[in-house]
Amino acid sequence: MLIKILIVVVLGAIVLSLFSGLFHLVKEEGRSRRMVNVLTVRIALSVALFILLFIAWYAGLITPHHVR
């Protein structure tokens, strides 16, 4: 159960980073160094989530559902 909470927290952080990037894009018209930093954080969080999902699946903590 802890792994699922961690996955939701990381997804929430990705969404927050997305909206933060939108804020900086609108406020500073995309010319800010903050915009690049927010994009870097979002990419790092997405990669970390992918790795977390793969490790959790490999360890048997989560199981995929098959589409019928």
PDB file of N, CA and C in Angstrom:
ATOM      1  N   MET A   1       0.822  -1.197   0.000  1.00  0.00           N
ATOM      2  CA  MET A   1       0.000   0.000   0.000  1.00  0.00           C
ATOM      3  C   MET A   1       0.865   1.260   0.000  1.00  0.00           C
ATOM      4  N   LEU A   2       2.001   1.202   0.667  1.00  0.00           N
ATOM      5  CA  LEU A   2       2.896   2.355   0.719  1.00  0.00           C
ATOM      6  C   LEU A   2       3.408   2.731  -0.668  1.00  0.00           C
ATOM      7  N   ILE A   3       3.664   1.739  -1.501  1.00  0.00           N
ATOM      8  CA  ILE A   3       4.173   2.004  -2.844  1.00  0.00           C
ATOM      9  C   ILE A   3       3.130   2.745  -3.685  1.00  0.00           C
ATOM     10  N   LYS A   4       1.858   2.405  -3.497  1.00  0.00           N
ATOM     11  CA  LYS A   4       0.801   3.080  -4.254  1.00  0.00           C
ATOM     12  C   LYS A   4       0.670   4.535  -3.818  1.00  0.00           C
ATOM     13  N   ILE A   5       0.835   4.790  -2.530  1.00  0.00           N
ATOM     14  CA  ILE A   5       0.799   6.166  -2.037  1.00  0.00           C
ATOM     15  C   ILE A   5       1.976   6.950  -2.613  1.00  0.00           C
ATOM     16  N   LEU A   6       3.142   6.326  -2.644  1.00  0.00           N
ATOM     17  CA  LEU A   6       4.328   6.971  -3.206  1.00  0.00           C
ATOM     18  C   LEU A   6       4.135   7.288  -4.690  1.00  0.00           C
ATOM     19  N   ILE A   7       3.512   6.397  -5.431  1.00  0.00           N
ATOM     20  CA  ILE A   7       3.239   6.623  -6.851  1.00  0.00           C
ATOM     21  C   ILE A   7       2.303   7.812  -7.032  1.00  0.00           C
ATOM     22  N   VAL A   8       1.266   7.896  -6.211  1.00  0.00           N
ATOM     23  CA  VAL A   8       0.312   9.012  -6.308  1.00  0.00           C
ATOM     24  C   VAL A   8       0.997  10.325  -5.932  1.00  0.00           C
ATOM     25  N   VAL A   9       1.867  10.296  -4.938  1.00  0.00           N
ATOM     26  CA  VAL A   9       2.597  11.513  -4.534  1.00  0.00           C
ATOM     27  C   VAL A   9       3.502  11.995  -5.672  1.00  0.00           C
ATOM     28  N   VAL A  10       4.198  11.079  -6.319  1.00  0.00           N
ATOM     29  CA  VAL A  10       5.077  11.468  -7.432  1.00  0.00           C
ATOM     30  C   VAL A  10       4.249  11.999  -8.601  1.00  0.00           C
ATOM     31  N   LEU A  11       3.105  11.374  -8.880  1.00  0.00           N
ATOM     32  CA  LEU A  11       2.226  11.895  -9.937  1.00  0.00           C
ATOM     33  C   LEU A  11       1.740  13.300  -9.596  1.00  0.00           C
ATOM     34  N   GLY A  12       1.393  13.529  -8.336  1.00  0.00           N
ATOM     35  CA  GLY A  12       0.982  14.864  -7.906  1.00  0.00           C
ATOM     36  C   GLY A  12       2.095  15.880  -8.072  1.00  0.00           C
ATOM     37  N   ALA A  13       3.320  15.476  -7.767  1.00  0.00           N
ATOM     38  CA  ALA A  13       4.467  16.374  -7.927  1.00  0.00           C
ATOM     39  C   ALA A  13       4.691  16.700  -9.402  1.00  0.00           C
ATOM     40  N   ILE A  14       4.468  15.739 -10.271  1.00  0.00           N
ATOM     41  CA  ILE A  14       4.607  15.982 -11.710  1.00  0.00           C
ATOM     42  C   ILE A  14       3.560  16.993 -12.176  1.00  0.00           C
ATOM     43  N   VAL A  15       2.327  16.843 -11.699  1.00  0.00           N
ATOM     44  CA  VAL A  15       1.261  17.785 -12.083  1.00  0.00           C
ATOM     45  C   VAL A  15       1.565  19.182 -11.540  1.00  0.00           C
ATOM     46  N   LEU A  16       2.040  19.257 -10.293  1.00  0.00           N
ATOM     47  CA  LEU A  16       2.411  20.559  -9.724  1.00  0.00           C
ATOM     48  C   LEU A  16       3.533  21.212 -10.532  1.00  0.00           C
ATOM     49  N   SER A  17       4.488  20.423 -10.946  1.00  0.00           N
ATOM     50  CA  SER A  17       5.577  20.948 -11.760  1.00  0.00           C
ATOM     51  C   SER A  17       5.057  21.437 -13.114  1.00  0.00           C
ATOM     52  N   LEU A  18       4.088  20.730 -13.661  1.00  0.00           N
ATOM     53  CA  LEU A  18       3.482  21.130 -14.930  1.00  0.00           C
ATOM     54  C   LEU A  18       2.809  22.493 -14.804  1.00  0.00           C
ATOM     55  N   PHE A  19       2.027  22.683 -13.741  1.00  0.00           N
ATOM     56  CA  PHE A  19       1.350  23.955 -13.547  1.00  0.00           C
ATOM     57  C   PHE A  19       2.327  25.069 -13.182  1.00  0.00           C
ATOM     58  N   SER A  20       3.392  24.735 -12.492  1.00  0.00           N
ATOM     59  CA  SER A  20       4.417  25.728 -12.189  1.00  0.00           C
ATOM     60  C   SER A  20       5.071  26.213 -13.477  1.00  0.00           C
ATOM     61  N   GLY A  21       5.342  25.294 -14.383  1.00  0.00           N
ATOM     62  CA  GLY A  21       5.895  25.661 -15.683  1.00  0.00           C
ATOM     63  C   GLY A  21       4.939  26.537 -16.475  1.00  0.00           C
ATOM     64  N   LEU A  22       3.654  26.220 -16.408  1.00  0.00           N
ATOM     65  CA  LEU A  22       2.652  27.040 -17.089  1.00  0.00           C
ATOM     66  C   LEU A  22       2.636  28.451 -16.515  1.00  0.00           C
ATOM     67  N   PHE A  23       2.733  28.557 -15.197  1.00  0.00           N
ATOM     68  CA  PHE A  23       2.753  29.865 -14.536  1.00  0.00           C
ATOM     69  C   PHE A  23       3.953  30.687 -15.015  1.00  0.00           C
ATOM     70  N   HIS A  24       5.126  30.076 -15.041  1.00  0.00           N
ATOM     71  CA  HIS A  24       6.323  30.797 -15.480  1.00  0.00           C
ATOM     72  C   HIS A  24       6.259  31.127 -16.966  1.00  0.00           C
ATOM     73  N   LEU A  25       5.638  30.278 -17.749  1.00  0.00           N
ATOM     74  CA  LEU A  25       5.491  30.549 -19.177  1.00  0.00           C
ATOM     75  C   LEU A  25       4.613  31.770 -19.410  1.00  0.00           C
ATOM     76  N   VAL A  26       3.504  31.839 -18.689  1.00  0.00           N
ATOM     77  CA  VAL A  26       2.575  32.948 -18.869  1.00  0.00           C
ATOM     78  C   VAL A  26       3.144  34.229 -18.260  1.00  0.00           C
ATOM     79  N   LYS A  27       3.728  34.128 -17.073  1.00  0.00           N
ATOM     80  CA  LYS A  27       4.206  35.314 -16.359  1.00  0.00           C
ATOM     81  C   LYS A  27       5.411  35.949 -17.047  1.00  0.00           C
ATOM     82  N   GLU A  28       6.366  35.137 -17.456  1.00  0.00           N
ATOM     83  CA  GLU A  28       7.620  35.666 -17.986  1.00  0.00           C
ATOM     84  C   GLU A  28       7.802  35.379 -19.471  1.00  0.00           C
ATOM     85  N   GLU A  29       6.742  34.960 -20.124  1.00  0.00           N
ATOM     86  CA  GLU A  29       6.713  34.709 -21.565  1.00  0.00           C
ATOM     87  C   GLU A  29       7.770  33.709 -22.024  1.00  0.00           C
ATOM     88  N   GLY A  30       8.112  32.756 -21.167  1.00  0.00           N
ATOM     89  CA  GLY A  30       9.006  31.681 -21.547  1.00  0.00           C
ATOM     90  C   GLY A  30      10.467  32.045 -21.634  1.00  0.00           C
ATOM     91  N   ARG A  31      10.848  33.231 -21.182  1.00  0.00           N
ATOM     92  CA  ARG A  31      12.247  33.664 -21.276  1.00  0.00           C
ATOM     93  C   ARG A  31      12.999  33.466 -19.974  1.00  0.00           C
ATOM     94  N   SER A  32      12.456  32.717 -19.084  1.00  0.00           N
ATOM     95  CA  SER A  32      13.036  32.584 -17.745  1.00  0.00           C
ATOM     96  C   SER A  32      13.863  31.317 -17.612  1.00  0.00           C
ATOM     97  N   ARG A  33      14.882  31.400 -16.789  1.00  0.00           N
ATOM     98  CA  ARG A  33      15.683  30.213 -16.462  1.00  0.00           C
ATOM     99  C   ARG A  33      14.860  29.258 -15.592  1.00  0.00           C
ATOM    100  N   ARG A  34      13.892  29.813 -14.869  1.00  0.00           N
ATOM    101  CA  ARG A  34      13.019  28.979 -14.028  1.00  0.00           C
ATOM    102  C   ARG A  34      12.232  27.982 -14.873  1.00  0.00           C
ATOM    103  N   MET A  35      11.858  28.405 -16.054  1.00  0.00           N
ATOM    104  CA  MET A  35      11.105  27.521 -16.954  1.00  0.00           C
ATOM    105  C   MET A  35      11.926  26.277 -17.285  1.00  0.00           C
ATOM    106  N   VAL A  36      13.188  26.466 -17.547  1.00  0.00           N
ATOM    107  CA  VAL A  36      14.073  25.332 -17.843  1.00  0.00           C
ATOM    108  C   VAL A  36      14.237  24.450 -16.613  1.00  0.00           C
ATOM    109  N   ASN A  37      14.371  25.068 -15.444  1.00  0.00           N
ATOM    110  CA  ASN A  37      14.513  24.294 -14.206  1.00  0.00           C
ATOM    111  C   ASN A  37      13.270  23.468 -13.913  1.00  0.00           C
ATOM    112  N   VAL A  38      12.097  24.052 -14.135  1.00  0.00           N
ATOM    113  CA  VAL A  38      10.845  23.325 -13.898  1.00  0.00           C
ATOM    114  C   VAL A  38      10.719  22.153 -14.874  1.00  0.00           C
ATOM    115  N   LEU A  39      11.104  22.368 -16.117  1.00  0.00           N
ATOM    116  CA  LEU A  39      11.073  21.291 -17.109  1.00  0.00           C
ATOM    117  C   LEU A  39      12.032  20.169 -16.705  1.00  0.00           C
ATOM    118  N   THR A  40      13.202  20.536 -16.216  1.00  0.00           N
ATOM    119  CA  THR A  40      14.177  19.540 -15.772  1.00  0.00           C
ATOM    120  C   THR A  40      13.643  18.727 -14.601  1.00  0.00           C
ATOM    121  N   VAL A  41      13.005  19.401 -13.659  1.00  0.00           N
ATOM    122  CA  VAL A  41      12.412  18.700 -12.507  1.00  0.00           C
ATOM    123  C   VAL A  41      11.315  17.758 -12.971  1.00  0.00           C
ATOM    124  N   ARG A  42      10.468  18.213 -13.886  1.00  0.00           N
ATOM    125  CA  ARG A  42       9.374  17.370 -14.366  1.00  0.00           C
ATOM    126  C   ARG A  42       9.897  16.135 -15.100  1.00  0.00           C
ATOM    127  N   ILE A  43      10.927  16.300 -15.895  1.00  0.00           N
ATOM    128  CA  ILE A  43      11.511  15.155 -16.599  1.00  0.00           C
ATOM    129  C   ILE A  43      12.141  14.194 -15.600  1.00  0.00           C
ATOM    130  N   ALA A  44      12.849  14.716 -14.603  1.00  0.00           N
ATOM    131  CA  ALA A  44      13.467  13.862 -13.592  1.00  0.00           C
ATOM    132  C   ALA A  44      12.411  13.099 -12.792  1.00  0.00           C
ATOM    133  N   LEU A  45      11.314  13.771 -12.443  1.00  0.00           N
ATOM    134  CA  LEU A  45      10.239  13.090 -11.713  1.00  0.00           C
ATOM    135  C   LEU A  45       9.587  12.005 -12.568  1.00  0.00           C
ATOM    136  N   SER A  46       9.417  12.281 -13.850  1.00  0.00           N
ATOM    137  CA  SER A  46       8.805  11.286 -14.746  1.00  0.00           C
ATOM    138  C   SER A  46       9.698  10.055 -14.890  1.00  0.00           C
ATOM    139  N   VAL A  47      10.992  10.269 -15.032  1.00  0.00           N
ATOM    140  CA  VAL A  47      11.928   9.144 -15.122  1.00  0.00           C
ATOM    141  C   VAL A  47      11.947   8.362 -13.804  1.00  0.00           C
ATOM    142  N   ALA A  48      11.949   9.097 -12.691  1.00  0.00           N
ATOM    143  CA  ALA A  48      11.935   8.439 -11.383  1.00  0.00           C
ATOM    144  C   ALA A  48      10.665   7.622 -11.197  1.00  0.00           C
ATOM    145  N   LEU A  49       9.528   8.127 -11.655  1.00  0.00           N
ATOM    146  CA  LEU A  49       8.274   7.385 -11.562  1.00  0.00           C
ATOM    147  C   LEU A  49       8.333   6.121 -12.408  1.00  0.00           C
ATOM    148  N   PHE A  50       8.871   6.227 -13.609  1.00  0.00           N
ATOM    149  CA  PHE A  50       8.995   5.056 -14.472  1.00  0.00           C
ATOM    150  C   PHE A  50       9.862   3.989 -13.806  1.00  0.00           C
ATOM    151  N   ILE A  51      10.982   4.406 -13.248  1.00  0.00           N
ATOM    152  CA  ILE A  51      11.877   3.458 -12.570  1.00  0.00           C
ATOM    153  C   ILE A  51      11.188   2.854 -11.351  1.00  0.00           C
ATOM    154  N   LEU A  52      10.475   3.687 -10.586  1.00  0.00           N
ATOM    155  CA  LEU A  52       9.749   3.206  -9.417  1.00  0.00           C
ATOM    156  C   LEU A  52       8.690   2.172  -9.810  1.00  0.00           C
ATOM    157  N   LEU A  53       7.959   2.449 -10.862  1.00  0.00           N
ATOM    158  CA  LEU A  53       6.945   1.499 -11.335  1.00  0.00           C
ATOM    159  C   LEU A  53       7.582   0.183 -11.776  1.00  0.00           C
ATOM    160  N   PHE A  54       8.685   0.275 -12.494  1.00  0.00           N
ATOM    161  CA  PHE A  54       9.349  -0.935 -12.966  1.00  0.00           C
ATOM    162  C   PHE A  54       9.872  -1.768 -11.799  1.00  0.00           C
ATOM    163  N   ILE A  55      10.488  -1.125 -10.811  1.00  0.00           N
ATOM    164  CA  ILE A  55      11.010  -1.844  -9.641  1.00  0.00           C
ATOM    165  C   ILE A  55       9.869  -2.459  -8.840  1.00  0.00           C
ATOM    166  N   ALA A  56       8.773  -1.710  -8.665  1.00  0.00           N
ATOM    167  CA  ALA A  56       7.625  -2.232  -7.920  1.00  0.00           C
ATOM    168  C   ALA A  56       7.010  -3.425  -8.645  1.00  0.00           C
ATOM    169  N   TRP A  57       6.934  -3.366  -9.962  1.00  0.00           N
ATOM    170  CA  TRP A  57       6.406  -4.498 -10.725  1.00  0.00           C
ATOM    171  C   TRP A  57       7.336  -5.696 -10.618  1.00  0.00           C
ATOM    172  N   TYR A  58       8.638  -5.463 -10.746  1.00  0.00           N
ATOM    173  CA  TYR A  58       9.616  -6.539 -10.685  1.00  0.00           C
ATOM    174  C   TYR A  58       9.622  -7.204  -9.304  1.00  0.00           C
ATOM    175  N   ALA A  59       9.422  -6.420  -8.256  1.00  0.00           N
ATOM    176  CA  ALA A  59       9.420  -6.943  -6.891  1.00  0.00           C
ATOM    177  C   ALA A  59       8.081  -7.589  -6.532  1.00  0.00           C
ATOM    178  N   GLY A  60       7.078  -7.439  -7.391  1.00  0.00           N
ATOM    179  CA  GLY A  60       5.781  -8.039  -7.124  1.00  0.00           C
ATOM    180  C   GLY A  60       4.882  -7.186  -6.244  1.00  0.00           C
ATOM    181  N   LEU A  61       5.234  -5.931  -6.050  1.00  0.00           N
ATOM    182  CA  LEU A  61       4.418  -5.057  -5.207  1.00  0.00           C
ATOM    183  C   LEU A  61       3.174  -4.555  -5.933  1.00  0.00           C
ATOM    184  N   ILE A  62       3.247  -4.470  -7.251  1.00  0.00           N
ATOM    185  CA  ILE A  62       2.097  -4.113  -8.069  1.00  0.00           C
ATOM    186  C   ILE A  62       2.013  -5.115  -9.212  1.00  0.00           C
ATOM    187  N   THR A  63       0.808  -5.321  -9.698  1.00  0.00           N
ATOM    188  CA  THR A  63       0.628  -6.232 -10.824  1.00  0.00           C
ATOM    189  C   THR A  63      -0.214  -5.529 -11.893  1.00  0.00           C
ATOM    190  N   PRO A  64       0.158  -5.672 -13.140  1.00  0.00           N
ATOM    191  CA  PRO A  64      -0.624  -5.035 -14.207  1.00  0.00           C
ATOM    192  C   PRO A  64      -1.925  -5.806 -14.447  1.00  0.00           C
ATOM    193  N   HIS A  65      -2.930  -5.095 -14.917  1.00  0.00           N
ATOM    194  CA  HIS A  65      -4.202  -5.709 -15.270  1.00  0.00           C
ATOM    195  C   HIS A  65      -4.205  -5.903 -16.786  1.00  0.00           C
ATOM    196  N   HIS A  66      -4.699  -7.043 -17.198  1.00  0.00           N
ATOM    197  CA  HIS A  66      -4.721  -7.341 -18.625  1.00  0.00           C
ATOM    198  C   HIS A  66      -5.965  -6.769 -19.257  1.00  0.00           C
ATOM    199  N   VAL A  67      -5.837  -6.219 -20.452  1.00  0.00           N
ATOM    200  CA  VAL A  67      -6.962  -5.680 -21.184  1.00  0.00           C
ATOM    201  C   VAL A  67      -7.600  -6.827 -21.943  1.00  0.00           C
ATOM    202  N   ARG A  68      -8.890  -6.918 -21.853  1.00  0.00           N
ATOM    203  CA  ARG A  68      -9.605  -8.017 -22.543  1.00  0.00           C
ATOM    204  C   ARG A  68     -10.245  -7.531 -23.801  1.00  0.00           C
TER     205      ARG A  68
END
